């Protein structure tokens, strides 16, 4: 079934309620049909941004090293080495 062209038809703006020509109405992003004076484009912040996964792993991760505990004698030797290097 064909539809009428609507060149003489009138319509009501969904936002302001004024009577305007049917062909002058524009459809907004939310489905409202409004006159050219009331027409607003969709704000960019209403578009969802691309979701990325949270970074959870390192690219070149290494496992923990299993080292024996440091003895008191080793710690003292290291401290003597550090003390001798000070200016």
N, C-alpha and C. Protein backbone atom coordinates (compact mmCIF):
# COMPACT_ATOMS: atom_id res chain seq x y z
N UNK A 1 0.84 -1.17 0.00
CA UNK A 1 0.00 0.00 0.00
C UNK A 1 0.89 1.23 0.00
N UNK A 2 0.77 2.10 -0.96
CA UNK A 2 1.62 3.29 -1.04
C UNK A 2 1.18 4.36 -0.03
N UNK A 3 2.14 5.17 0.36
CA UNK A 3 1.87 6.27 1.29
C UNK A 3 1.75 7.57 0.52
N UNK A 4 1.10 8.55 1.13
CA UNK A 4 0.96 9.87 0.54
C UNK A 4 2.29 10.61 0.63
N UNK A 5 2.53 11.54 -0.27
CA UNK A 5 3.77 12.31 -0.29
C UNK A 5 3.83 13.26 0.89
N UNK A 6 2.75 13.90 1.24
CA UNK A 6 2.68 14.78 2.39
C UNK A 6 3.12 16.20 2.12
N UNK A 7 3.06 16.66 0.86
CA UNK A 7 3.54 18.00 0.57
C UNK A 7 2.62 19.10 1.11
N UNK A 8 1.37 18.78 1.42
CA UNK A 8 0.45 19.76 2.00
C UNK A 8 0.09 19.41 3.45
N UNK A 9 0.63 18.35 3.95
CA UNK A 9 0.27 17.88 5.30
C UNK A 9 0.95 18.73 6.38
N UNK A 10 0.29 18.81 7.53
CA UNK A 10 0.82 19.51 8.69
C UNK A 10 1.05 18.50 9.81
N UNK A 11 1.98 18.83 10.68
CA UNK A 11 2.29 17.94 11.81
C UNK A 11 2.62 18.79 13.03
N UNK A 12 2.66 18.14 14.18
CA UNK A 12 2.97 18.81 15.44
C UNK A 12 4.39 18.41 15.87
N UNK A 13 5.17 19.40 16.24
CA UNK A 13 6.53 19.15 16.74
C UNK A 13 6.44 18.47 18.10
N UNK A 14 7.22 17.42 18.31
CA UNK A 14 7.18 16.70 19.58
C UNK A 14 7.77 17.50 20.74
N UNK A 15 8.60 18.48 20.46
CA UNK A 15 9.23 19.23 21.54
C UNK A 15 8.47 20.51 21.88
N UNK A 16 8.22 21.37 20.90
CA UNK A 16 7.59 22.66 21.20
C UNK A 16 6.07 22.64 21.03
N UNK A 17 5.55 21.68 20.28
CA UNK A 17 4.11 21.59 20.10
C UNK A 17 3.56 22.48 19.01
N UNK A 18 4.41 23.17 18.26
CA UNK A 18 3.94 24.03 17.19
C UNK A 18 3.57 23.20 15.97
N UNK A 19 2.69 23.76 15.18
CA UNK A 19 2.27 23.11 13.94
C UNK A 19 3.24 23.54 12.83
N UNK A 20 3.83 22.55 12.16
CA UNK A 20 4.78 22.82 11.07
C UNK A 20 4.45 21.91 9.91
N UNK A 21 5.07 22.17 8.76
CA UNK A 21 4.86 21.29 7.62
C UNK A 21 5.44 19.92 7.91
N UNK A 22 4.76 18.91 7.45
CA UNK A 22 5.16 17.52 7.70
C UNK A 22 6.56 17.22 7.15
N UNK A 23 6.86 17.73 5.97
CA UNK A 23 8.16 17.47 5.35
C UNK A 23 9.29 18.24 6.02
N UNK A 24 8.97 19.25 6.84
CA UNK A 24 10.00 20.02 7.53
C UNK A 24 10.47 19.32 8.81
N UNK A 25 9.71 18.34 9.30
CA UNK A 25 10.10 17.66 10.52
C UNK A 25 11.37 16.84 10.32
N UNK A 26 12.20 16.81 11.35
CA UNK A 26 13.41 16.00 11.35
C UNK A 26 13.33 15.01 12.49
N UNK A 27 13.89 13.84 12.29
CA UNK A 27 13.87 12.83 13.34
C UNK A 27 15.18 12.88 14.11
N UNK A 28 15.06 12.98 15.44
CA UNK A 28 16.24 13.01 16.30
C UNK A 28 16.70 11.60 16.61
N UNK A 29 17.85 11.52 17.31
CA UNK A 29 18.44 10.23 17.65
C UNK A 29 17.57 9.43 18.60
N UNK A 30 16.69 10.08 19.35
CA UNK A 30 15.83 9.37 20.30
C UNK A 30 14.47 9.02 19.72
N UNK A 31 14.26 9.31 18.42
CA UNK A 31 13.02 8.95 17.76
C UNK A 31 11.99 10.07 17.71
N UNK A 32 12.25 11.20 18.34
CA UNK A 32 11.30 12.33 18.31
C UNK A 32 11.35 13.00 16.95
N UNK A 33 10.19 13.41 16.48
CA UNK A 33 10.12 14.18 15.23
C UNK A 33 9.89 15.63 15.62
N UNK A 34 10.86 16.49 15.30
CA UNK A 34 10.84 17.88 15.76
C UNK A 34 11.03 18.82 14.57
N UNK A 35 10.68 20.09 14.80
CA UNK A 35 10.86 21.11 13.77
C UNK A 35 12.34 21.49 13.67
N UNK A 36 12.76 22.16 12.61
CA UNK A 36 14.17 22.50 12.45
C UNK A 36 14.71 23.39 13.58
N UNK A 37 13.88 24.24 14.19
CA UNK A 37 14.33 25.10 15.28
C UNK A 37 14.63 24.31 16.55
N UNK A 38 13.93 23.20 16.77
CA UNK A 38 14.10 22.39 17.98
C UNK A 38 15.11 21.26 17.80
N UNK A 39 15.56 21.03 16.58
CA UNK A 39 16.42 19.88 16.30
C UNK A 39 17.77 20.01 17.01
N UNK A 40 18.18 18.95 17.70
CA UNK A 40 19.48 18.90 18.37
C UNK A 40 20.15 17.59 17.97
N UNK A 41 21.43 17.68 17.64
CA UNK A 41 22.17 16.47 17.31
C UNK A 41 22.51 15.72 18.59
N UNK A 42 22.85 14.47 18.45
CA UNK A 42 23.19 13.66 19.61
C UNK A 42 24.55 14.08 20.14
N UNK A 43 24.65 14.26 21.44
CA UNK A 43 25.91 14.68 22.06
C UNK A 43 26.90 13.52 22.02
N UNK A 44 28.17 13.77 21.71
CA UNK A 44 29.16 12.70 21.59
C UNK A 44 29.37 11.89 22.87
N UNK A 45 29.12 12.50 24.03
CA UNK A 45 29.33 11.78 25.29
C UNK A 45 28.26 10.72 25.53
N UNK A 46 27.17 10.75 24.77
CA UNK A 46 26.13 9.73 24.92
C UNK A 46 26.51 8.44 24.21
N UNK A 47 27.51 8.50 23.33
CA UNK A 47 27.99 7.30 22.65
C UNK A 47 28.93 6.55 23.57
N UNK A 48 28.73 5.27 23.76
CA UNK A 48 29.66 4.52 24.61
C UNK A 48 31.01 4.38 23.92
N UNK A 49 32.05 4.56 24.70
CA UNK A 49 33.39 4.42 24.14
C UNK A 49 33.75 2.95 24.04
N UNK A 50 34.76 2.67 23.24
CA UNK A 50 35.21 1.29 23.10
C UNK A 50 35.75 0.76 24.41
N UNK A 51 35.27 -0.36 24.82
CA UNK A 51 35.70 -0.93 26.09
C UNK A 51 36.97 -1.74 25.88
N UNK A 52 37.95 -1.50 26.74
CA UNK A 52 39.18 -2.25 26.69
C UNK A 52 39.30 -3.04 28.00
N UNK A 53 39.94 -4.16 27.92
CA UNK A 53 40.14 -4.97 29.11
C UNK A 53 41.19 -4.31 30.00
N UNK A 54 41.04 -4.50 31.29
CA UNK A 54 42.03 -3.97 32.22
C UNK A 54 43.35 -4.71 32.05
N UNK A 55 44.43 -3.97 32.17
CA UNK A 55 45.75 -4.59 32.08
C UNK A 55 46.00 -5.39 33.36
N UNK A 56 46.15 -6.68 33.23
CA UNK A 56 46.32 -7.54 34.40
C UNK A 56 47.65 -8.27 34.41
N UNK A 57 48.31 -8.37 33.29
CA UNK A 57 49.54 -9.14 33.23
C UNK A 57 50.64 -8.30 32.58
N UNK A 58 51.88 -8.61 32.93
CA UNK A 58 53.02 -7.95 32.32
C UNK A 58 53.41 -8.68 31.05
N UNK A 59 53.98 -7.95 30.10
CA UNK A 59 54.35 -8.55 28.83
C UNK A 59 55.49 -9.56 28.99
N UNK A 60 56.56 -9.18 29.66
CA UNK A 60 57.73 -10.07 29.82
C UNK A 60 57.93 -10.36 31.31
N UNK A 61 56.97 -11.01 31.90
CA UNK A 61 57.03 -11.30 33.33
C UNK A 61 58.03 -12.42 33.61
N UNK A 62 58.66 -12.33 34.78
CA UNK A 62 59.60 -13.37 35.21
C UNK A 62 59.12 -13.90 36.55
N UNK A 63 59.33 -15.18 36.80
CA UNK A 63 58.90 -15.72 38.09
C UNK A 63 59.83 -15.24 39.20
N UNK A 64 59.34 -15.34 40.44
CA UNK A 64 60.16 -14.97 41.59
C UNK A 64 61.36 -15.89 41.68
N UNK A 65 62.47 -15.32 42.12
CA UNK A 65 63.68 -16.13 42.28
C UNK A 65 63.68 -16.74 43.68
N UNK A 66 64.14 -17.98 43.75
CA UNK A 66 64.27 -18.65 45.05
C UNK A 66 65.70 -18.46 45.53
N UNK A 67 65.91 -17.51 46.43
CA UNK A 67 67.23 -17.25 46.97
C UNK A 67 67.28 -17.66 48.43
N UNK A 68 68.42 -18.15 48.86
CA UNK A 68 68.55 -18.49 50.28
C UNK A 68 68.54 -17.21 51.11
N UNK A 69 68.07 -17.28 52.34
CA UNK A 69 68.07 -16.09 53.19
C UNK A 69 69.49 -15.59 53.43
N UNK A 70 69.66 -14.30 53.64
CA UNK A 70 70.96 -13.69 53.86
C UNK A 70 71.33 -13.88 55.33
N UNK A 71 72.55 -14.36 55.55
CA UNK A 71 73.00 -14.55 56.94
C UNK A 71 73.48 -13.23 57.51
N UNK A 72 73.63 -13.18 58.81
CA UNK A 72 74.08 -11.96 59.47
C UNK A 72 75.50 -11.61 59.03
N UNK A 73 76.33 -12.62 58.79
CA UNK A 73 77.71 -12.37 58.37
C UNK A 73 77.72 -11.75 56.96
N UNK A 74 76.86 -12.26 56.07
CA UNK A 74 76.79 -11.70 54.72
C UNK A 74 76.30 -10.25 54.76
N UNK A 75 75.33 -9.97 55.63
CA UNK A 75 74.81 -8.61 55.75
C UNK A 75 75.88 -7.68 56.27
N UNK A 76 76.67 -8.13 57.23
CA UNK A 76 77.73 -7.29 57.79
C UNK A 76 78.80 -7.03 56.73
N UNK A 77 79.16 -8.05 55.94
CA UNK A 77 80.16 -7.88 54.89
C UNK A 77 79.66 -6.89 53.84
N UNK A 78 78.42 -6.97 53.50
CA UNK A 78 77.84 -6.04 52.53
C UNK A 78 77.84 -4.63 53.08
N UNK A 79 77.50 -4.47 54.36
CA UNK A 79 77.49 -3.14 54.97
C UNK A 79 78.90 -2.56 55.02
N UNK A 80 79.92 -3.40 55.30
CA UNK A 80 81.30 -2.93 55.29
C UNK A 80 81.69 -2.47 53.88
N UNK A 81 81.23 -3.18 52.87
CA UNK A 81 81.52 -2.81 51.48
C UNK A 81 80.88 -1.47 51.13
N UNK A 82 79.65 -1.26 51.56
CA UNK A 82 78.96 0.00 51.28
C UNK A 82 79.65 1.15 52.01
N UNK A 83 80.03 0.91 53.27
CA UNK A 83 80.71 1.96 54.06
C UNK A 83 82.04 2.36 53.44
N UNK A 84 82.75 1.41 52.89
CA UNK A 84 84.06 1.72 52.29
C UNK A 84 83.92 2.51 51.00
N UNK A 85 82.78 2.45 50.33
CA UNK A 85 82.58 3.15 49.07
C UNK A 85 82.11 4.59 49.26
N UNK A 86 81.70 4.96 50.46
CA UNK A 86 81.20 6.32 50.68
C UNK A 86 82.35 7.32 50.60
N UNK A 87 82.07 8.49 50.15
CA UNK A 87 83.09 9.50 49.90
C UNK A 87 83.44 10.26 51.13
